[in-house]
């Protein structure tokens, strides 16, 4: 969930507990997969240039002046106001209220959550980004001037602007917030505090300069690294909500539980190959682009999205302006707890975040015993699928990846 408006605040300062943990090594292919050397694989020279798959964002603006707000998108070019995707420096401020005190146990849980936050982003980027975070010491937690209830924390939606303004005005004057890219505000854990975690996607004016945005979590989602990470994905990376809130709300409907920007409570939080492509976390050689000018039939090897290597991670075809067909290999490892498959989906950037802008079309598998999940939005399961005149067939699978054939009408 995200929210964006301009907010003027006052800089604050505090003594910081510095996180010094080192990210764990991420899973990698220990050796080349024989499938990756299959003679049927179409050479890169016979594929379309990668730039032809950098589809433009088609989100309607409805007359909004985007220069006055941070923007999120599912296309190219990337928003210019977000910043670099190679590093993040974030301050984490605990908030304590008269009716929701921040405790030692909350602080310990928050530190653990931030360690996982760091590991996740460094894994999703295949080591291409560096996360630096600093958690304010418990003795310097921000003492809020009003009760949590008065901010709406016990309801579904909290008064984010007021929380951000009051927390920055009240925090210790020793903290130079402008030295950070953004701040994360954290309230104590409590099952009775039901507000949804939320992102403040505009930069914030403070007495020491600008801060590039804020996120707020706590209560029933307190110290939840996935909730914090999802909201930071809006502020830092300019990524959209992938769930569908159109009536009736489906949330995980069009894309099951794939991608943390879709479901931070799901079993498949690995970022999609499309998101990694947007963020520059894939090399051009890892993107296999086809178009109407390439051969009618092409064959591709896809290395599992979880694995850190130089092998191909994505097959893409532009269907129309703002709409792209994508294939990627999913495996039951890394952050994913899923059945192995080739995930086929369509990115539709003409749909706003929260309107289901990514729609799963199939989970390709050679396992004849596999059945579709009985969800509201049923994703077809089988060895092949046809999407808008393009037929995708799974030829072979291994522990490390998949071999697929793509036939264009």
Protein backbone atom coordinates (compact mmCIF):
# COMPACT_ATOMS: atom_id res chain seq x y z
CA UNK A 1 0.00 0.00 0.00
CA UNK A 2 1.33 3.42 -0.82
CA UNK A 3 0.47 7.07 -0.25
CA UNK A 4 2.09 10.18 -1.62
CA UNK A 5 1.87 13.85 -0.71
CA UNK A 6 4.34 16.64 -0.02
CA UNK A 7 5.02 17.05 3.71
CA UNK A 8 7.13 19.63 5.50
CA UNK A 9 8.69 18.43 8.75
CA UNK A 10 11.45 19.26 11.19
CA UNK A 11 14.73 17.38 11.25
CA UNK A 12 15.52 15.24 14.24
CA UNK A 13 18.46 13.31 15.53
CA UNK A 14 19.09 10.34 17.79
CA UNK A 15 21.80 7.98 18.97
CA UNK A 16 21.80 4.94 16.71
CA UNK A 17 22.33 1.23 17.14
CA UNK A 18 24.26 0.28 13.98
CA UNK A 19 23.51 -2.99 12.21
CA UNK A 20 26.70 -4.72 11.14
CA UNK A 21 25.39 -8.10 9.96
CA UNK A 22 26.80 -9.58 6.78
CA UNK A 23 24.30 -10.91 4.21
CA UNK A 24 24.27 -14.67 3.89
CA UNK A 25 25.48 -16.25 0.66
CA UNK A 26 22.59 -16.82 -1.71
CA UNK A 27 21.86 -20.03 -3.57
CA UNK A 28 23.71 -20.42 -6.86
CA UNK A 29 24.01 -23.07 -9.52
CA UNK A 30 27.04 -25.15 -8.55
CA UNK A 31 27.59 -26.18 -12.13
CA UNK A 32 26.13 -25.67 -15.62
CA UNK A 33 22.79 -27.34 -16.24
CA UNK A 34 23.00 -29.69 -19.27
CA UNK A 35 19.70 -28.18 -20.43
CA UNK A 36 21.40 -24.80 -20.76
CA UNK A 37 23.60 -26.30 -23.52
CA UNK A 38 20.79 -27.96 -25.45
CA UNK A 39 21.37 -27.70 -29.20
CA UNK A 40 17.80 -26.61 -29.83
CA UNK A 41 18.28 -23.30 -27.99
CA UNK A 42 17.90 -20.32 -30.32
CA UNK A 43 21.03 -18.18 -30.45
CA UNK A 44 20.93 -14.61 -29.14
CA UNK A 45 21.79 -13.36 -32.61
CA UNK A 46 18.43 -14.63 -33.86
CA UNK A 47 16.46 -12.88 -31.11
CA UNK A 48 15.17 -9.33 -30.92
CA UNK A 49 17.24 -6.57 -29.26
CA UNK A 50 16.60 -6.32 -25.53
CA UNK A 51 15.51 -2.70 -25.93
CA UNK A 52 12.45 -3.88 -27.86
CA UNK A 53 11.23 -5.54 -24.64
CA UNK A 54 11.70 -2.40 -22.54
CA UNK A 55 8.01 -1.65 -22.84
CA UNK A 56 6.82 1.82 -21.92
CA UNK A 57 4.64 2.45 -18.89
CA UNK A 58 1.02 3.07 -19.90
CA UNK A 59 -0.50 3.97 -16.53
CA UNK A 60 -3.11 6.71 -17.04
CA UNK A 61 -2.26 9.94 -15.19
CA UNK A 62 -5.77 11.43 -15.25
CA UNK A 63 -4.26 14.89 -15.51
CA UNK A 64 -1.99 14.55 -12.46
CA UNK A 65 1.20 16.61 -12.43
CA UNK A 66 3.67 13.78 -11.87
CA UNK A 67 6.48 16.26 -11.16
CA UNK A 68 4.74 16.94 -7.83
CA UNK A 69 4.60 13.35 -6.64
CA UNK A 70 6.79 10.31 -6.61
CA UNK A 71 5.57 7.84 -9.17
CA UNK A 72 5.59 4.07 -9.36
CA UNK A 73 5.42 2.18 -12.61
CA UNK A 74 5.73 -1.21 -14.28
CA UNK A 75 7.49 0.06 -17.38
CA UNK A 76 10.26 2.12 -18.88
CA UNK A 77 11.77 4.59 -18.52
CA UNK A 78 12.01 4.28 -14.75
CA UNK A 79 10.85 7.20 -12.58
CA UNK A 80 13.62 9.77 -12.29
CA UNK A 81 12.74 10.84 -8.73
CA UNK A 82 13.35 7.51 -7.02
CA UNK A 83 17.16 7.37 -7.03
CA UNK A 84 19.75 4.64 -7.54
CA UNK A 85 18.88 0.96 -7.19
CA UNK A 86 22.44 0.02 -6.24
CA UNK A 87 22.31 1.14 -2.61
CA UNK A 88 19.94 2.17 0.17
CA UNK A 89 20.69 3.98 3.43
CA UNK A 90 17.70 3.83 5.76
CA UNK A 91 17.10 4.98 9.35
CA UNK A 92 14.62 2.98 11.44
CA UNK A 93 12.74 4.89 14.16
CA UNK A 94 10.68 3.11 16.84
CA UNK A 95 7.59 5.06 17.93
CA UNK A 96 6.13 4.83 21.43
CA UNK A 97 2.65 6.00 22.48
CA UNK A 98 0.86 6.38 25.80
CA UNK A 99 -1.51 3.57 24.83
CA UNK A 100 0.99 1.54 22.78
CA UNK A 101 4.43 1.58 24.46
CA UNK A 102 7.40 0.28 22.51
CA UNK A 103 9.08 -2.56 24.45
CA UNK A 104 12.43 -4.35 24.57
CA UNK A 105 10.86 -7.35 22.86
CA UNK A 106 9.57 -5.15 20.03
CA UNK A 107 13.02 -3.66 19.56
CA UNK A 108 14.72 -7.07 19.41
CA UNK A 109 12.14 -8.30 16.91
CA UNK A 110 12.63 -5.16 14.79
CA UNK A 111 16.39 -5.68 14.66
CA UNK A 112 15.83 -9.25 13.49
CA UNK A 113 13.36 -8.02 10.88
CA UNK A 114 15.85 -5.50 9.50
CA UNK A 115 18.50 -8.20 9.15
CA UNK A 116 16.07 -10.19 7.02
CA UNK A 117 15.16 -7.02 5.10
CA UNK A 118 18.81 -6.54 4.18
CA UNK A 119 19.31 -10.18 3.17
CA UNK A 120 16.21 -10.17 0.98
CA UNK A 121 17.08 -7.14 -1.12
CA UNK A 122 20.69 -8.18 -1.54
CA UNK A 123 19.49 -11.62 -2.64
CA UNK A 124 16.85 -10.29 -5.06
CA UNK A 125 19.46 -8.03 -6.69
CA UNK A 126 21.95 -10.92 -6.95
CA UNK A 127 24.36 -8.83 -4.88
CA UNK A 128 23.99 -5.72 -7.07
CA UNK A 129 22.64 -3.53 -4.28
CA UNK A 130 23.99 -2.70 -0.83
CA UNK A 131 21.63 -2.13 2.10
CA UNK A 132 22.78 -0.04 5.06
CA UNK A 133 20.33 0.41 7.92
CA UNK A 134 20.50 1.94 11.37
CA UNK A 135 17.97 1.21 14.08
CA UNK A 136 17.50 3.94 16.66
CA UNK A 137 18.37 2.77 20.18
CA UNK A 138 15.37 1.94 22.36
CA UNK A 139 16.33 4.71 24.79
CA UNK A 140 15.90 7.19 21.93
CA UNK A 141 12.57 5.88 20.61
CA UNK A 142 10.33 8.71 19.45
CA UNK A 143 7.80 9.56 22.18
CA UNK A 144 4.70 10.53 20.23
CA UNK A 145 2.65 13.52 21.43
CA UNK A 146 -0.74 11.81 21.09
CA UNK A 147 -2.22 8.36 21.57
CA UNK A 148 -2.03 5.65 18.93
CA UNK A 149 -5.82 5.54 18.92
CA UNK A 150 -6.01 9.23 18.03
CA UNK A 151 -3.96 8.55 14.89
CA UNK A 152 -6.37 5.80 13.84
CA UNK A 153 -3.96 2.92 14.56
CA UNK A 154 -6.74 0.67 15.84
CA UNK A 155 -8.65 0.97 12.57
CA UNK A 156 -7.78 -0.22 9.07
CA UNK A 157 -6.25 3.06 7.87
CA UNK A 158 -3.97 5.27 9.93
CA UNK A 159 -3.45 9.04 9.55
CA UNK A 160 -0.08 8.61 7.87
CA UNK A 161 0.65 12.28 7.22
CA UNK A 162 0.08 13.17 10.86
CA UNK A 163 2.21 10.27 12.13
CA UNK A 164 5.08 11.23 9.81
CA UNK A 165 4.87 14.92 10.70
CA UNK A 166 4.64 14.36 14.45
CA UNK A 167 7.36 11.72 14.58
CA UNK A 168 9.85 13.91 12.70
CA UNK A 169 8.98 16.94 14.81
CA UNK A 170 9.33 15.00 18.06
CA UNK A 171 12.44 12.88 17.42
CA UNK A 172 15.77 13.79 19.03
CA UNK A 173 17.42 16.88 17.55
CA UNK A 174 20.71 14.98 17.15
CA UNK A 175 19.54 12.93 14.18
CA UNK A 176 20.46 14.33 10.74
CA UNK A 177 17.73 12.67 8.73
CA UNK A 178 18.89 14.16 5.44
CA UNK A 179 21.93 11.86 5.57
CA UNK A 180 19.54 8.96 4.88
CA UNK A 181 17.70 8.07 1.72
CA UNK A 182 14.50 7.40 3.69
CA UNK A 183 13.14 6.49 7.11
CA UNK A 184 11.13 3.54 8.41
CA UNK A 185 8.76 4.22 11.30
CA UNK A 186 7.80 1.27 13.48
CA UNK A 187 5.09 0.94 16.12
CA UNK A 188 4.89 -1.78 18.78
CA UNK A 189 3.43 -5.18 17.97
CA UNK A 190 -0.20 -5.69 18.99
CA UNK A 191 -2.97 -7.83 17.54
CA UNK A 192 -5.50 -5.11 18.40
CA UNK A 193 -3.71 -2.52 16.25
CA UNK A 194 -5.09 -3.27 12.80
CA UNK A 195 -3.87 -0.54 10.42
CA UNK A 196 -2.27 -1.66 7.18
CA UNK A 197 1.46 -0.95 6.68
CA UNK A 198 1.80 2.02 4.37
CA UNK A 199 4.35 3.98 2.33
CA UNK A 200 4.78 7.76 2.11
CA UNK A 201 6.23 8.01 -1.38
CA UNK A 202 7.04 11.70 -1.57
CA UNK A 203 10.24 13.22 -0.30
CA UNK A 204 9.98 14.97 3.06
CA UNK A 205 11.40 18.37 3.94
CA UNK A 206 13.22 18.49 7.27
CA UNK A 207 15.33 21.17 8.91
CA UNK A 208 18.50 19.38 7.78
CA UNK A 209 17.29 18.78 4.22
CA UNK A 210 15.21 16.31 2.29
CA UNK A 211 14.51 12.68 3.15
CA UNK A 212 13.37 10.53 0.25
CA UNK A 213 10.19 9.17 1.85
CA UNK A 214 8.97 7.05 4.74
CA UNK A 215 7.22 3.79 5.53
CA UNK A 216 5.11 2.92 8.57
CA UNK A 217 4.37 -0.50 10.06
CA UNK A 218 3.46 -1.99 13.42
CA UNK A 219 0.60 -3.53 15.34
CA UNK A 220 -0.58 -6.81 13.82
CA UNK A 221 2.21 -6.50 11.24
CA UNK A 222 4.83 -5.20 13.67
CA UNK A 223 8.46 -6.23 13.13
CA UNK A 224 7.43 -8.03 9.95
CA UNK A 225 10.34 -7.82 7.52
CA UNK A 226 8.08 -8.63 4.60
CA UNK A 227 5.69 -5.75 5.37
CA UNK A 228 8.58 -3.29 5.73
CA UNK A 229 10.21 -4.58 2.55
CA UNK A 230 6.99 -4.32 0.53
CA UNK A 231 6.48 -0.68 1.53
CA UNK A 232 10.14 0.20 0.92
CA UNK A 233 9.66 -1.29 -2.56
CA UNK A 234 7.26 1.58 -3.28
CA UNK A 235 9.43 4.39 -1.90
CA UNK A 236 12.90 3.29 -2.97
CA UNK A 237 12.26 1.23 -6.11
CA UNK A 238 9.09 2.79 -7.50
CA UNK A 239 7.31 -0.57 -7.67
CA UNK A 240 3.53 -0.90 -7.73
CA UNK A 241 1.09 -3.02 -5.73
CA UNK A 242 0.36 -6.11 -7.80
CA UNK A 243 -2.75 -7.22 -5.94
CA UNK A 244 -6.27 -6.47 -7.12
CA UNK A 245 -8.56 -4.35 -4.95
CA UNK A 246 -11.23 -3.81 -7.58
CA UNK A 247 -14.66 -4.98 -6.35
CA UNK A 248 -14.81 -7.51 -4.94
CA UNK A 249 -11.27 -7.23 -3.46
CA UNK A 250 -9.16 -10.21 -4.52
CA UNK A 251 -5.75 -9.06 -3.24
CA UNK A 252 -3.72 -12.11 -4.38
CA UNK A 253 -6.30 -12.80 -7.10
CA UNK A 254 -4.66 -12.21 -10.49
CA UNK A 255 -1.15 -13.31 -9.52
CA UNK A 256 -1.70 -15.80 -6.67
CA UNK A 257 1.08 -15.20 -4.07
CA UNK A 258 3.91 -14.48 -6.51
CA UNK A 259 6.18 -11.50 -5.75
CA UNK A 260 6.48 -9.61 -2.48
CA UNK A 261 4.90 -6.55 -4.11
CA UNK A 262 1.79 -8.68 -4.54
CA UNK A 263 1.54 -10.53 -1.24
CA UNK A 264 3.83 -9.97 1.73
CA UNK A 265 2.15 -12.88 3.51
CA UNK A 266 2.43 -15.37 0.63
CA UNK A 267 4.62 -18.37 -0.07
CA UNK A 268 6.32 -17.05 -3.24
CA UNK A 269 7.90 -13.68 -2.34
CA UNK A 270 10.79 -13.83 -4.83
CA UNK A 271 10.65 -10.76 -7.06
CA UNK A 272 9.65 -11.49 -10.63
CA UNK A 273 12.17 -11.39 -13.43
CA UNK A 274 10.23 -8.40 -14.81
CA UNK A 275 10.83 -6.41 -11.64
CA UNK A 276 14.53 -7.30 -11.67
CA UNK A 277 14.68 -6.27 -15.33
CA UNK A 278 13.10 -2.89 -14.47
CA UNK A 279 15.65 -2.35 -11.70
CA UNK A 280 18.73 -3.25 -13.73
CA UNK A 281 19.34 -6.38 -11.67
CA UNK A 282 19.51 -8.53 -14.81
CA UNK A 283 22.15 -8.24 -17.51
CA UNK A 284 20.90 -7.88 -21.08
CA UNK A 285 22.27 -11.36 -21.82
CA UNK A 286 19.87 -12.76 -19.19
CA UNK A 287 16.85 -11.41 -21.06
CA UNK A 288 15.71 -13.28 -24.18
CA UNK A 289 13.48 -10.99 -26.21
CA UNK A 290 11.26 -12.14 -29.07
CA UNK A 291 9.07 -10.10 -31.40
CA UNK A 292 7.15 -10.28 -34.63
CA UNK A 293 10.43 -9.93 -36.53
CA UNK A 294 12.13 -12.96 -34.95
CA UNK A 295 11.69 -16.56 -36.04
CA UNK A 296 8.21 -17.98 -35.69
CA UNK A 297 9.53 -20.75 -33.42
CA UNK A 298 12.25 -20.19 -30.83
CA UNK A 299 13.64 -22.31 -27.99
CA UNK A 300 14.95 -20.95 -24.70
CA UNK A 301 16.63 -22.09 -21.53
CA UNK A 302 15.49 -20.40 -18.32
CA UNK A 303 17.57 -20.64 -15.16
CA UNK A 304 15.61 -20.61 -11.89
CA UNK A 305 14.93 -17.05 -10.75
CA UNK A 306 16.24 -17.95 -7.28
CA UNK A 307 19.74 -18.78 -8.44
CA UNK A 308 22.58 -16.28 -8.71
CA UNK A 309 24.34 -16.89 -12.02
CA UNK A 310 24.78 -15.38 -15.47
CA UNK A 311 22.26 -17.64 -17.23
CA UNK A 312 19.00 -16.43 -18.83
CA UNK A 313 16.23 -15.54 -16.36
CA UNK A 314 13.45 -14.19 -18.58
CA UNK A 315 11.79 -14.60 -21.97
CA UNK A 316 9.69 -11.58 -22.96
CA UNK A 317 7.53 -10.46 -25.84
CA UNK A 318 5.85 -7.08 -26.19
CA UNK A 319 2.16 -7.67 -26.94
CA UNK A 320 1.17 -4.01 -27.32
CA UNK A 321 2.23 -0.66 -25.85
CA UNK A 322 2.47 -1.17 -22.09
CA UNK A 323 1.71 -4.92 -22.22
CA UNK A 324 4.36 -7.66 -22.11
CA UNK A 325 4.24 -11.45 -22.04
CA UNK A 326 6.88 -12.87 -19.64
CA UNK A 327 8.17 -16.38 -18.87
CA UNK A 328 10.37 -17.28 -15.89
CA UNK A 329 11.46 -20.40 -14.00
CA UNK A 330 10.25 -20.84 -10.41
CA UNK A 331 11.70 -23.38 -7.98
CA UNK A 332 10.96 -24.50 -4.44
CA UNK A 333 14.01 -22.84 -2.88
CA UNK A 334 15.38 -19.46 -1.95
CA UNK A 335 12.41 -17.48 -0.59
CA UNK A 336 9.84 -19.45 -2.59
CA UNK A 337 7.88 -22.39 -1.20
CA UNK A 338 6.16 -23.42 -4.42
CA UNK A 339 5.85 -26.26 -6.91
CA UNK A 340 8.48 -26.11 -9.66
CA UNK A 341 7.12 -24.56 -12.85
CA UNK A 342 7.56 -22.08 -15.66
CA UNK A 343 5.45 -19.10 -14.65
CA UNK A 344 3.73 -17.40 -17.60
CA UNK A 345 2.24 -13.95 -17.02
CA UNK A 346 1.26 -10.70 -18.69
CA UNK A 347 2.44 -7.33 -17.39
CA UNK A 348 -0.22 -4.70 -18.14
CA UNK A 349 1.05 -1.28 -17.10
CA UNK A 350 -2.19 0.38 -18.22
CA UNK A 351 -3.66 -0.98 -14.98
CA UNK A 352 -2.81 1.02 -11.90
CA UNK A 353 -1.12 -0.50 -8.89
CA UNK A 354 -3.81 -2.20 -6.84
CA UNK A 355 -5.81 -3.06 -9.97
CA UNK A 356 -4.01 -6.32 -10.71
CA UNK A 357 -1.40 -5.07 -13.21
CA UNK A 358 0.23 -8.52 -13.53
CA UNK A 359 -1.94 -11.48 -14.48
CA UNK A 360 -0.73 -15.09 -14.30
CA UNK A 361 -1.63 -17.10 -17.40
CA UNK A 362 -0.19 -20.52 -16.55
CA UNK A 363 2.18 -22.57 -14.44
CA UNK A 364 3.83 -24.94 -16.91
CA UNK A 365 4.85 -28.35 -15.59
CA UNK A 366 5.50 -31.85 -16.87
CA UNK A 367 4.07 -33.31 -13.66
CA UNK A 368 0.79 -34.92 -14.72
CA UNK A 369 -0.35 -35.22 -11.10
CA UNK A 370 -0.19 -31.47 -10.54
CA UNK A 371 -3.57 -29.78 -10.24
CA UNK A 372 -4.53 -26.09 -10.21
CA UNK A 373 -4.99 -24.49 -6.80
CA UNK A 374 -8.67 -23.94 -5.90
CA UNK A 375 -8.30 -20.16 -5.64
CA UNK A 376 -10.77 -17.54 -6.85
CA UNK A 377 -8.42 -16.83 -9.75
CA UNK A 378 -7.44 -20.28 -11.02
CA UNK A 379 -4.06 -20.42 -12.78
CA UNK A 380 -4.08 -23.12 -15.48
CA UNK A 381 -1.56 -25.93 -14.97
CA UNK A 382 -0.10 -28.14 -17.71
CA UNK A 383 2.73 -28.52 -20.23
CA UNK A 384 1.59 -25.74 -22.60
CA UNK A 385 -0.51 -22.61 -22.87
CA UNK A 386 -1.59 -20.18 -25.60
CA UNK A 387 -1.62 -16.47 -24.80
CA UNK A 388 -2.80 -13.94 -27.39
CA UNK A 389 -1.51 -15.88 -30.37
CA UNK A 390 1.68 -17.10 -28.68
CA UNK A 391 1.99 -20.78 -27.72
CA UNK A 392 4.46 -21.68 -24.98
CA UNK A 393 5.41 -25.33 -24.47
CA UNK A 394 7.59 -26.77 -21.73
CA UNK A 395 10.01 -29.24 -23.33
CA UNK A 396 12.14 -30.35 -20.38
CA UNK A 397 12.90 -29.46 -16.78
CA UNK A 398 15.76 -30.02 -14.36
CA UNK A 399 16.58 -29.05 -10.80
CA UNK A 400 18.15 -25.86 -12.10
CA UNK A 401 15.85 -24.66 -14.87
CA UNK A 402 13.58 -25.27 -17.84
CA UNK A 403 13.67 -25.58 -21.61
CA UNK A 404 10.73 -23.92 -23.36
CA UNK A 405 9.54 -23.55 -26.93
CA UNK A 406 7.70 -20.42 -28.06
CA UNK A 407 5.67 -20.42 -31.27
CA UNK A 408 4.17 -17.17 -32.61
CA UNK A 409 1.15 -17.22 -34.90
